[in-house]
Amino acid sequence: MQNHLQKITTCLWFDNQAEEAARFYTSVFHKSSIGKTVSYGKEGYEIHGRPEGSVMTVEFEINGHPFVALNGGPLFAFSEAISFQVHCKTQEEVDYYWEKLSAGGDKNAQQCGWLKDKYGVSWQIVPAVISELMSDADPEKSQRVMKALLQMKKLDIEKLKRAHQGK
């Protein structure tokens, strides 16, 4: 973990799974680590209602991006309004992240490369080539890619390329 303060850190609000989630995410992403853990104390119990000594926050990092997982109670839940994009160079990477992050998640929330993990966090597992295929100057090519993409849950790079080529 870096010792300097980042300008922007993503804070993920969990009911009481912050520590478990931080361990899960750092097991999925290879360039990651867990940093400081802060526990609740006696002060503020009347507001937070958390037992003294229980985990309040866990700092972790994925590929240089800092996160804080907070055990804040059941007041808030994740929604699809925020998601994390994972850019993948190969189909093997797409398959790996899809399998790992979707395990135990909401199977009904899977479409067009989006998935919801077991904590309710939304992810987009995106082939790096998708931007090139979707922004082709030939609208027929980009529309074929869009049509193919809309029929997929997990994205298939070869099928998207074939759609782009009109095959």
N, C-alpha and C. Protein backbone atom coordinates (compact mmCIF):
# COMPACT_ATOMS: atom_id res chain seq x y z
N MET A 1 0.85 -1.19 0.00
CA MET A 1 0.00 0.00 0.00
C MET A 1 0.89 1.24 0.00
N GLN A 2 0.42 2.25 -0.68
CA GLN A 2 1.14 3.50 -0.74
C GLN A 2 0.91 4.27 0.57
N ASN A 3 1.92 5.03 0.98
CA ASN A 3 1.79 5.82 2.20
C ASN A 3 1.34 7.25 1.94
N HIS A 4 1.29 7.67 0.68
CA HIS A 4 0.83 9.02 0.40
C HIS A 4 -0.68 9.03 0.17
N LEU A 5 -1.30 10.15 0.49
CA LEU A 5 -2.74 10.28 0.36
C LEU A 5 -3.14 10.49 -1.10
N GLN A 6 -4.02 9.65 -1.60
CA GLN A 6 -4.54 9.79 -2.96
C GLN A 6 -5.56 10.93 -2.99
N LYS A 7 -5.70 11.57 -4.12
CA LYS A 7 -6.72 12.60 -4.30
C LYS A 7 -8.12 12.01 -4.19
N ILE A 8 -8.30 10.86 -4.82
CA ILE A 8 -9.61 10.22 -4.84
C ILE A 8 -9.45 8.76 -4.41
N THR A 9 -10.27 8.35 -3.46
CA THR A 9 -10.31 6.97 -3.00
C THR A 9 -11.76 6.51 -3.07
N THR A 10 -12.00 5.34 -3.60
CA THR A 10 -13.34 4.78 -3.67
C THR A 10 -13.68 4.15 -2.33
N CYS A 11 -14.80 4.56 -1.75
CA CYS A 11 -15.27 3.99 -0.48
C CYS A 11 -16.50 3.14 -0.78
N LEU A 12 -16.43 1.88 -0.37
CA LEU A 12 -17.53 0.94 -0.58
C LEU A 12 -18.21 0.67 0.76
N TRP A 13 -19.48 0.96 0.86
CA TRP A 13 -20.26 0.82 2.10
C TRP A 13 -20.87 -0.58 2.16
N PHE A 14 -20.49 -1.34 3.15
CA PHE A 14 -21.04 -2.67 3.38
C PHE A 14 -21.83 -2.67 4.67
N ASP A 15 -22.69 -3.64 4.84
CA ASP A 15 -23.39 -3.82 6.12
C ASP A 15 -22.34 -4.21 7.15
N ASN A 16 -21.79 -5.42 7.00
CA ASN A 16 -20.73 -5.87 7.92
C ASN A 16 -19.73 -6.80 7.23
N GLN A 17 -19.61 -6.70 5.91
CA GLN A 17 -18.73 -7.61 5.16
C GLN A 17 -17.47 -6.93 4.64
N ALA A 18 -17.08 -5.80 5.18
CA ALA A 18 -15.94 -5.03 4.64
C ALA A 18 -14.66 -5.87 4.59
N GLU A 19 -14.34 -6.52 5.67
CA GLU A 19 -13.10 -7.30 5.73
C GLU A 19 -13.15 -8.47 4.74
N GLU A 20 -14.27 -9.18 4.73
CA GLU A 20 -14.45 -10.31 3.80
C GLU A 20 -14.35 -9.84 2.35
N ALA A 21 -15.00 -8.73 2.03
CA ALA A 21 -14.99 -8.21 0.66
C ALA A 21 -13.58 -7.78 0.25
N ALA A 22 -12.86 -7.11 1.12
CA ALA A 22 -11.49 -6.68 0.80
C ALA A 22 -10.61 -7.90 0.51
N ARG A 23 -10.76 -8.95 1.31
CA ARG A 23 -9.99 -10.18 1.06
C ARG A 23 -10.39 -10.81 -0.28
N PHE A 24 -11.69 -10.80 -0.58
CA PHE A 24 -12.17 -11.37 -1.83
C PHE A 24 -11.60 -10.61 -3.03
N TYR A 25 -11.76 -9.30 -3.04
CA TYR A 25 -11.30 -8.49 -4.18
C TYR A 25 -9.78 -8.60 -4.37
N THR A 26 -9.03 -8.61 -3.27
CA THR A 26 -7.58 -8.72 -3.42
C THR A 26 -7.15 -10.13 -3.84
N SER A 27 -8.02 -11.12 -3.67
CA SER A 27 -7.70 -12.46 -4.17
C SER A 27 -7.98 -12.58 -5.66
N VAL A 28 -8.91 -11.79 -6.17
CA VAL A 28 -9.28 -11.83 -7.59
C VAL A 28 -8.26 -11.09 -8.45
N PHE A 29 -7.86 -9.90 -7.99
CA PHE A 29 -6.94 -9.06 -8.76
C PHE A 29 -5.52 -9.29 -8.28
N HIS A 30 -4.63 -9.65 -9.20
CA HIS A 30 -3.28 -10.07 -8.84
C HIS A 30 -2.43 -8.96 -8.25
N LYS A 31 -2.51 -7.76 -8.78
CA LYS A 31 -1.71 -6.64 -8.27
C LYS A 31 -2.54 -5.90 -7.23
N SER A 32 -2.66 -6.48 -6.04
CA SER A 32 -3.49 -5.88 -5.02
C SER A 32 -2.93 -6.19 -3.63
N SER A 33 -3.40 -5.42 -2.66
CA SER A 33 -2.94 -5.64 -1.29
C SER A 33 -3.94 -5.05 -0.31
N ILE A 34 -3.89 -5.55 0.90
CA ILE A 34 -4.72 -5.02 1.98
C ILE A 34 -3.82 -4.17 2.87
N GLY A 35 -4.34 -3.02 3.25
CA GLY A 35 -3.59 -2.09 4.10
C GLY A 35 -4.14 -2.07 5.52
N LYS A 36 -4.34 -0.88 6.04
CA LYS A 36 -4.77 -0.69 7.42
C LYS A 36 -6.22 -1.11 7.64
N THR A 37 -6.45 -1.64 8.83
CA THR A 37 -7.79 -1.92 9.31
C THR A 37 -8.01 -1.06 10.54
N VAL A 38 -9.16 -0.39 10.58
CA VAL A 38 -9.51 0.46 11.73
C VAL A 38 -10.76 -0.13 12.38
N SER A 39 -10.76 -0.19 13.69
CA SER A 39 -11.88 -0.76 14.43
C SER A 39 -12.70 0.33 15.11
N TYR A 40 -13.95 0.01 15.35
CA TYR A 40 -14.81 0.91 16.11
C TYR A 40 -14.38 0.91 17.57
N GLY A 41 -14.49 2.05 18.21
CA GLY A 41 -14.22 2.16 19.64
C GLY A 41 -15.51 2.45 20.39
N LYS A 42 -15.38 2.82 21.64
CA LYS A 42 -16.55 3.14 22.45
C LYS A 42 -17.22 4.42 21.96
N GLU A 43 -16.39 5.38 21.54
CA GLU A 43 -16.91 6.68 21.12
C GLU A 43 -17.86 6.57 19.94
N GLY A 44 -19.01 7.20 20.04
CA GLY A 44 -19.96 7.25 18.95
C GLY A 44 -20.90 6.06 18.85
N TYR A 45 -20.85 5.16 19.83
CA TYR A 45 -21.71 3.97 19.78
C TYR A 45 -23.17 4.32 19.59
N GLU A 46 -23.61 5.41 20.24
CA GLU A 46 -25.02 5.81 20.14
C GLU A 46 -25.40 6.21 18.71
N ILE A 47 -24.40 6.49 17.88
CA ILE A 47 -24.66 6.86 16.48
C ILE A 47 -24.45 5.65 15.56
N HIS A 48 -23.29 5.00 15.69
CA HIS A 48 -22.98 3.89 14.76
C HIS A 48 -23.50 2.55 15.22
N GLY A 49 -23.69 2.34 16.50
CA GLY A 49 -24.25 1.10 17.02
C GLY A 49 -23.39 -0.13 16.82
N ARG A 50 -22.14 0.05 16.52
CA ARG A 50 -21.23 -1.08 16.25
C ARG A 50 -20.48 -1.46 17.51
N PRO A 51 -20.30 -2.74 17.75
CA PRO A 51 -19.57 -3.19 18.93
C PRO A 51 -18.12 -2.70 18.93
N GLU A 52 -17.64 -2.32 20.08
CA GLU A 52 -16.25 -1.90 20.23
C GLU A 52 -15.34 -3.03 19.78
N GLY A 53 -14.33 -2.70 18.98
CA GLY A 53 -13.38 -3.68 18.47
C GLY A 53 -13.77 -4.30 17.14
N SER A 54 -15.03 -4.09 16.70
CA SER A 54 -15.42 -4.64 15.40
C SER A 54 -14.82 -3.77 14.28
N VAL A 55 -14.65 -4.35 13.12
CA VAL A 55 -14.01 -3.67 12.01
C VAL A 55 -14.89 -2.52 11.51
N MET A 56 -14.29 -1.32 11.42
CA MET A 56 -14.97 -0.17 10.84
C MET A 56 -14.57 -0.03 9.37
N THR A 57 -13.26 0.05 9.09
CA THR A 57 -12.79 0.21 7.72
C THR A 57 -11.60 -0.69 7.43
N VAL A 58 -11.48 -1.05 6.17
CA VAL A 58 -10.33 -1.81 5.67
C VAL A 58 -9.86 -1.10 4.41
N GLU A 59 -8.60 -0.69 4.38
CA GLU A 59 -8.02 -0.10 3.18
C GLU A 59 -7.46 -1.22 2.32
N PHE A 60 -7.69 -1.12 1.03
CA PHE A 60 -7.08 -2.08 0.11
C PHE A 60 -6.83 -1.39 -1.22
N GLU A 61 -6.00 -2.02 -2.02
CA GLU A 61 -5.59 -1.45 -3.30
C GLU A 61 -5.67 -2.51 -4.37
N ILE A 62 -6.20 -2.12 -5.54
CA ILE A 62 -6.27 -3.00 -6.70
C ILE A 62 -5.59 -2.27 -7.86
N ASN A 63 -4.52 -2.85 -8.38
CA ASN A 63 -3.81 -2.25 -9.52
C ASN A 63 -3.54 -0.77 -9.33
N GLY A 64 -3.13 -0.38 -8.14
CA GLY A 64 -2.79 1.00 -7.86
C GLY A 64 -3.97 1.89 -7.49
N HIS A 65 -5.19 1.38 -7.58
CA HIS A 65 -6.38 2.16 -7.23
C HIS A 65 -6.75 1.90 -5.77
N PRO A 66 -6.79 2.96 -4.95
CA PRO A 66 -7.11 2.77 -3.54
C PRO A 66 -8.61 2.66 -3.28
N PHE A 67 -8.96 1.78 -2.36
CA PHE A 67 -10.34 1.59 -1.91
C PHE A 67 -10.36 1.59 -0.39
N VAL A 68 -11.51 1.92 0.15
CA VAL A 68 -11.79 1.72 1.57
C VAL A 68 -13.10 0.96 1.64
N ALA A 69 -13.13 -0.13 2.38
CA ALA A 69 -14.36 -0.87 2.63
C ALA A 69 -14.81 -0.48 4.04
N LEU A 70 -16.05 -0.04 4.14
CA LEU A 70 -16.61 0.46 5.39
C LEU A 70 -17.76 -0.42 5.84
N ASN A 71 -17.73 -0.84 7.10
CA ASN A 71 -18.87 -1.52 7.70
C ASN A 71 -19.76 -0.43 8.30
N GLY A 72 -20.78 -0.02 7.55
CA GLY A 72 -21.63 1.07 7.98
C GLY A 72 -23.05 0.67 8.34
N GLY A 73 -23.35 -0.63 8.21
CA GLY A 73 -24.69 -1.09 8.52
C GLY A 73 -25.55 -1.21 7.27
N PRO A 74 -26.81 -1.63 7.44
CA PRO A 74 -27.68 -1.93 6.31
C PRO A 74 -28.40 -0.72 5.69
N LEU A 75 -28.03 0.47 6.10
CA LEU A 75 -28.71 1.68 5.65
C LEU A 75 -28.66 1.88 4.14
N PHE A 76 -27.51 1.59 3.50
CA PHE A 76 -27.35 1.80 2.06
C PHE A 76 -26.99 0.49 1.37
N ALA A 77 -27.37 0.39 0.09
CA ALA A 77 -27.04 -0.78 -0.71
C ALA A 77 -26.44 -0.31 -2.03
N PHE A 78 -25.68 -1.18 -2.66
CA PHE A 78 -25.09 -0.87 -3.96
C PHE A 78 -26.17 -0.88 -5.03
N SER A 79 -25.94 -0.12 -6.09
CA SER A 79 -26.85 -0.16 -7.24
C SER A 79 -26.01 -0.13 -8.51
N GLU A 80 -26.68 -0.39 -9.63
CA GLU A 80 -26.01 -0.40 -10.92
C GLU A 80 -25.62 1.00 -11.39
N ALA A 81 -26.03 2.02 -10.66
CA ALA A 81 -25.68 3.39 -11.04
C ALA A 81 -24.17 3.62 -10.99
N ILE A 82 -23.46 2.79 -10.23
CA ILE A 82 -22.00 2.84 -10.15
C ILE A 82 -21.48 1.44 -10.46
N SER A 83 -20.49 1.37 -11.34
CA SER A 83 -19.87 0.08 -11.63
C SER A 83 -18.39 0.29 -11.88
N PHE A 84 -17.66 -0.79 -11.81
CA PHE A 84 -16.23 -0.77 -12.07
C PHE A 84 -15.96 -1.52 -13.37
N GLN A 85 -15.23 -0.88 -14.28
CA GLN A 85 -14.88 -1.51 -15.54
C GLN A 85 -13.53 -2.20 -15.41
N VAL A 86 -13.49 -3.44 -15.86
CA VAL A 86 -12.25 -4.21 -15.89
C VAL A 86 -11.92 -4.41 -17.37
N HIS A 87 -10.88 -3.75 -17.85
CA HIS A 87 -10.48 -3.83 -19.26
C HIS A 87 -9.58 -5.04 -19.45
N CYS A 88 -9.95 -5.90 -20.38
CA CYS A 88 -9.25 -7.16 -20.59
C CYS A 88 -8.67 -7.22 -22.00
N LYS A 89 -7.43 -7.67 -22.10
CA LYS A 89 -6.76 -7.78 -23.39
C LYS A 89 -7.13 -9.06 -24.13
N THR A 90 -7.44 -10.13 -23.39
CA THR A 90 -7.69 -11.43 -24.01
C THR A 90 -9.01 -12.02 -23.52
N GLN A 91 -9.48 -13.03 -24.24
CA GLN A 91 -10.68 -13.74 -23.81
C GLN A 91 -10.42 -14.48 -22.50
N GLU A 92 -9.18 -14.94 -22.33
CA GLU A 92 -8.84 -15.63 -21.09
C GLU A 92 -9.03 -14.69 -19.89
N GLU A 93 -8.64 -13.43 -20.05
CA GLU A 93 -8.85 -12.45 -18.98
C GLU A 93 -10.34 -12.21 -18.75
N VAL A 94 -11.09 -12.06 -19.84
CA VAL A 94 -12.54 -11.87 -19.71
C VAL A 94 -13.14 -13.04 -18.93
N ASP A 95 -12.78 -14.26 -19.33
CA ASP A 95 -13.31 -15.46 -18.68
C ASP A 95 -12.92 -15.51 -17.21
N TYR A 96 -11.67 -15.19 -16.89
CA TYR A 96 -11.18 -15.23 -15.51
C TYR A 96 -11.97 -14.27 -14.62
N TYR A 97 -12.03 -12.99 -15.02
CA TYR A 97 -12.70 -12.01 -14.18
C TYR A 97 -14.20 -12.26 -14.10
N TRP A 98 -14.79 -12.72 -15.19
CA TRP A 98 -16.22 -13.03 -15.19
C TRP A 98 -16.51 -14.15 -14.19
N GLU A 99 -15.72 -15.21 -14.28
CA GLU A 99 -15.93 -16.36 -13.38
C GLU A 99 -15.73 -15.96 -11.92
N LYS A 100 -14.64 -15.27 -11.61
CA LYS A 100 -14.32 -14.93 -10.24
C LYS A 100 -15.32 -13.93 -9.64
N LEU A 101 -15.62 -12.87 -10.38
CA LEU A 101 -16.47 -11.82 -9.83
C LEU A 101 -17.95 -12.18 -9.83
N SER A 102 -18.38 -13.05 -10.72
CA SER A 102 -19.80 -13.41 -10.76
C SER A 102 -20.14 -14.54 -9.80
N ALA A 103 -19.14 -15.24 -9.27
CA ALA A 103 -19.38 -16.37 -8.37
C ALA A 103 -20.21 -15.92 -7.16
N GLY A 104 -21.37 -16.51 -7.01
CA GLY A 104 -22.25 -16.17 -5.89
C GLY A 104 -23.03 -14.89 -6.08
N GLY A 105 -22.88 -14.27 -7.25
CA GLY A 105 -23.57 -13.01 -7.52
C GLY A 105 -24.96 -13.21 -8.10
N ASP A 106 -25.57 -12.13 -8.52
CA ASP A 106 -26.91 -12.11 -9.06
C ASP A 106 -26.87 -12.47 -10.54
N LYS A 107 -27.27 -13.67 -10.89
CA LYS A 107 -27.23 -14.14 -12.29
C LYS A 107 -28.21 -13.36 -13.17
N ASN A 108 -29.26 -12.80 -12.59
CA ASN A 108 -30.23 -12.02 -13.36
C ASN A 108 -29.69 -10.64 -13.74
N ALA A 109 -28.62 -10.20 -13.10
CA ALA A 109 -28.05 -8.88 -13.37
C ALA A 109 -26.92 -8.94 -14.39
N GLN A 110 -26.80 -10.06 -15.09
CA GLN A 110 -25.73 -10.23 -16.06
C GLN A 110 -26.22 -9.94 -17.46
N GLN A 111 -25.62 -8.96 -18.09
CA GLN A 111 -25.91 -8.69 -19.50
C GLN A 111 -24.87 -7.74 -20.05
N CYS A 112 -24.57 -7.90 -21.33
CA CYS A 112 -23.68 -6.98 -22.06
C CYS A 112 -22.35 -6.74 -21.35
N GLY A 113 -21.81 -7.76 -20.70
CA GLY A 113 -20.54 -7.62 -20.01
C GLY A 113 -20.67 -7.14 -18.56
N TRP A 114 -21.89 -6.83 -18.13
CA TRP A 114 -22.11 -6.38 -16.75
C TRP A 114 -22.44 -7.58 -15.88
N LEU A 115 -22.01 -7.51 -14.64
CA LEU A 115 -22.37 -8.52 -13.66
C LEU A 115 -22.46 -7.87 -12.29
N LYS A 116 -23.13 -8.55 -11.40
CA LYS A 116 -23.22 -8.09 -10.02
C LYS A 116 -22.62 -9.18 -9.14
N ASP A 117 -21.64 -8.81 -8.31
CA ASP A 117 -20.96 -9.81 -7.48
C ASP A 117 -21.78 -10.16 -6.24
N LYS A 118 -21.25 -11.05 -5.42
CA LYS A 118 -21.98 -11.54 -4.26
C LYS A 118 -22.25 -10.47 -3.20
N TYR A 119 -21.60 -9.32 -3.30
CA TYR A 119 -21.84 -8.21 -2.38
C TYR A 119 -22.79 -7.17 -2.97
N GLY A 120 -23.19 -7.37 -4.22
CA GLY A 120 -24.08 -6.42 -4.88
C GLY A 120 -23.36 -5.34 -5.66
N VAL A 121 -22.02 -5.42 -5.74
CA VAL A 121 -21.23 -4.44 -6.49
C VAL A 121 -21.29 -4.80 -7.98
N SER A 122 -21.50 -3.80 -8.83
CA SER A 122 -21.59 -4.02 -10.27
C SER A 122 -20.23 -3.83 -10.94
N TRP A 123 -19.95 -4.73 -11.88
CA TRP A 123 -18.70 -4.73 -12.63
C TRP A 123 -19.02 -4.85 -14.11
N GLN A 124 -18.18 -4.27 -14.94
CA GLN A 124 -18.25 -4.44 -16.39
C GLN A 124 -16.94 -5.11 -16.82
N ILE A 125 -17.04 -6.30 -17.34
CA ILE A 125 -15.86 -7.03 -17.81
C ILE A 125 -15.79 -6.78 -19.32
N VAL A 126 -14.87 -5.90 -19.72
CA VAL A 126 -14.87 -5.31 -21.04
C VAL A 126 -13.59 -5.66 -21.81
N PRO A 127 -13.73 -6.27 -22.99
CA PRO A 127 -12.55 -6.47 -23.84
C PRO A 127 -12.01 -5.11 -24.28
N ALA A 128 -10.72 -4.94 -24.23
CA ALA A 128 -10.10 -3.66 -24.60
C ALA A 128 -10.43 -3.27 -26.03
N VAL A 129 -10.66 -4.25 -26.90
CA VAL A 129 -10.93 -3.99 -28.31
C VAL A 129 -12.33 -3.43 -28.54
N ILE A 130 -13.19 -3.49 -27.56
CA ILE A 130 -14.59 -3.07 -27.76
C ILE A 130 -14.70 -1.61 -28.18
N SER A 131 -13.88 -0.75 -27.63
CA SER A 131 -13.94 0.66 -27.98
C SER A 131 -13.65 0.87 -29.47
N GLU A 132 -12.65 0.17 -29.96
CA GLU A 132 -12.29 0.26 -31.38
C GLU A 132 -13.43 -0.26 -32.26
N LEU A 133 -13.99 -1.39 -31.88
CA LEU A 133 -15.07 -1.98 -32.68
C LEU A 133 -16.33 -1.11 -32.68
N MET A 134 -16.65 -0.55 -31.54
CA MET A 134 -17.88 0.24 -31.40
C MET A 134 -17.76 1.63 -32.01
N SER A 135 -16.55 2.12 -32.18
CA SER A 135 -16.38 3.48 -32.69
C SER A 135 -15.93 3.50 -34.15
N ASP A 136 -16.12 2.40 -34.83
CA ASP A 136 -15.74 2.33 -36.24
C ASP A 136 -16.47 3.42 -37.03
N ALA A 137 -15.78 4.05 -37.96
CA ALA A 137 -16.37 5.11 -38.77
C ALA A 137 -17.52 4.59 -39.64
N ASP A 138 -17.51 3.30 -39.91
CA ASP A 138 -18.59 2.68 -40.69
C ASP A 138 -19.71 2.29 -39.72
N PRO A 139 -20.83 3.00 -39.77
CA PRO A 139 -21.91 2.74 -38.81
C PRO A 139 -22.49 1.34 -38.92
N GLU A 140 -22.44 0.73 -40.08
CA GLU A 140 -22.94 -0.63 -40.22
C GLU A 140 -22.12 -1.60 -39.37
N LYS A 141 -20.81 -1.41 -39.37
CA LYS A 141 -19.93 -2.28 -38.58
C LYS A 141 -20.20 -2.10 -37.09
N SER A 142 -20.24 -0.86 -36.64
CA SER A 142 -20.45 -0.62 -35.21
C SER A 142 -21.84 -1.08 -34.77
N GLN A 143 -22.84 -0.97 -35.63
CA GLN A 143 -24.18 -1.43 -35.28
C GLN A 143 -24.27 -2.95 -35.21
N ARG A 144 -23.52 -3.64 -36.07
CA ARG A 144 -23.47 -5.10 -35.98
C ARG A 144 -22.83 -5.54 -34.67
N VAL A 145 -21.80 -4.81 -34.25
CA VAL A 145 -21.15 -5.12 -32.97
C VAL A 145 -22.14 -4.89 -31.83
N MET A 146 -22.87 -3.78 -31.88
CA MET A 146 -23.86 -3.49 -30.84
C MET A 146 -24.93 -4.58 -30.78
N LYS A 147 -25.41 -5.00 -31.93
CA LYS A 147 -26.43 -6.06 -31.97
C LYS A 147 -25.90 -7.35 -31.33
N ALA A 148 -24.67 -7.72 -31.65
CA ALA A 148 -24.07 -8.93 -31.07
C ALA A 148 -23.88 -8.76 -29.57
N LEU A 149 -23.38 -7.61 -29.15
CA LEU A 149 -23.13 -7.34 -27.74
C LEU A 149 -24.41 -7.44 -26.92
N LEU A 150 -25.51 -6.92 -27.44
CA LEU A 150 -26.78 -6.93 -26.71
C LEU A 150 -27.34 -8.33 -26.51
N GLN A 151 -26.83 -9.30 -27.23
CA GLN A 151 -27.30 -10.68 -27.09
C GLN A 151 -26.44 -11.49 -26.13
N MET A 152 -25.38 -10.88 -25.59
CA MET A 152 -24.43 -11.60 -24.74
C MET A 152 -24.60 -11.24 -23.27
N LYS A 153 -24.21 -12.16 -22.44
CA LYS A 153 -24.00 -11.86 -21.02
C LYS A 153 -22.51 -11.58 -20.88
N LYS A 154 -21.70 -12.65 -20.83
CA LYS A 154 -20.25 -12.49 -20.85
C LYS A 154 -19.85 -12.19 -22.28
N LEU A 155 -19.01 -11.19 -22.48
CA LEU A 155 -18.63 -10.80 -23.84
C LEU A 155 -17.62 -11.78 -24.43
N ASP A 156 -17.82 -12.04 -25.71
CA ASP A 156 -16.99 -12.97 -26.47
C ASP A 156 -16.27 -12.17 -27.55
N ILE A 157 -14.97 -12.01 -27.40
CA ILE A 157 -14.18 -11.17 -28.30
C ILE A 157 -14.28 -11.63 -29.74
N GLU A 158 -14.16 -12.92 -30.00
CA GLU A 158 -14.20 -13.43 -31.38
C GLU A 158 -15.55 -13.19 -32.02
N LYS A 159 -16.64 -13.39 -31.28
CA LYS A 159 -17.98 -13.14 -31.83
C LYS A 159 -18.16 -11.66 -32.14
N LEU A 160 -17.63 -10.80 -31.30
CA LEU A 160 -17.73 -9.36 -31.54
C LEU A 160 -16.93 -8.97 -32.79
N LYS A 161 -15.75 -9.56 -32.94
CA LYS A 161 -14.92 -9.27 -34.12
C LYS A 161 -15.60 -9.78 -35.39
N ARG A 162 -16.20 -10.97 -35.31
CA ARG A 162 -16.90 -11.53 -36.48
C ARG A 162 -18.10 -10.65 -36.84
N ALA A 163 -18.81 -10.15 -35.84
CA ALA A 163 -19.94 -9.25 -36.11
C ALA A 163 -19.43 -7.99 -36.81
N HIS A 164 -18.32 -7.48 -36.34
CA HIS A 164 -17.73 -6.28 -36.93
C HIS A 164 -17.41 -6.52 -38.40
N GLN A 165 -16.91 -7.71 -38.72
CA GLN A 165 -16.52 -8.07 -40.08
C GLN A 165 -17.72 -8.49 -40.94
N GLY A 166 -18.87 -8.60 -40.33
CA GLY A 166 -20.07 -9.00 -41.08
C GLY A 166 -20.19 -10.49 -41.29
N LYS A 167 -19.56 -11.27 -40.43
CA LYS A 167 -19.58 -12.74 -40.57
C LYS A 167 -20.55 -13.37 -39.58
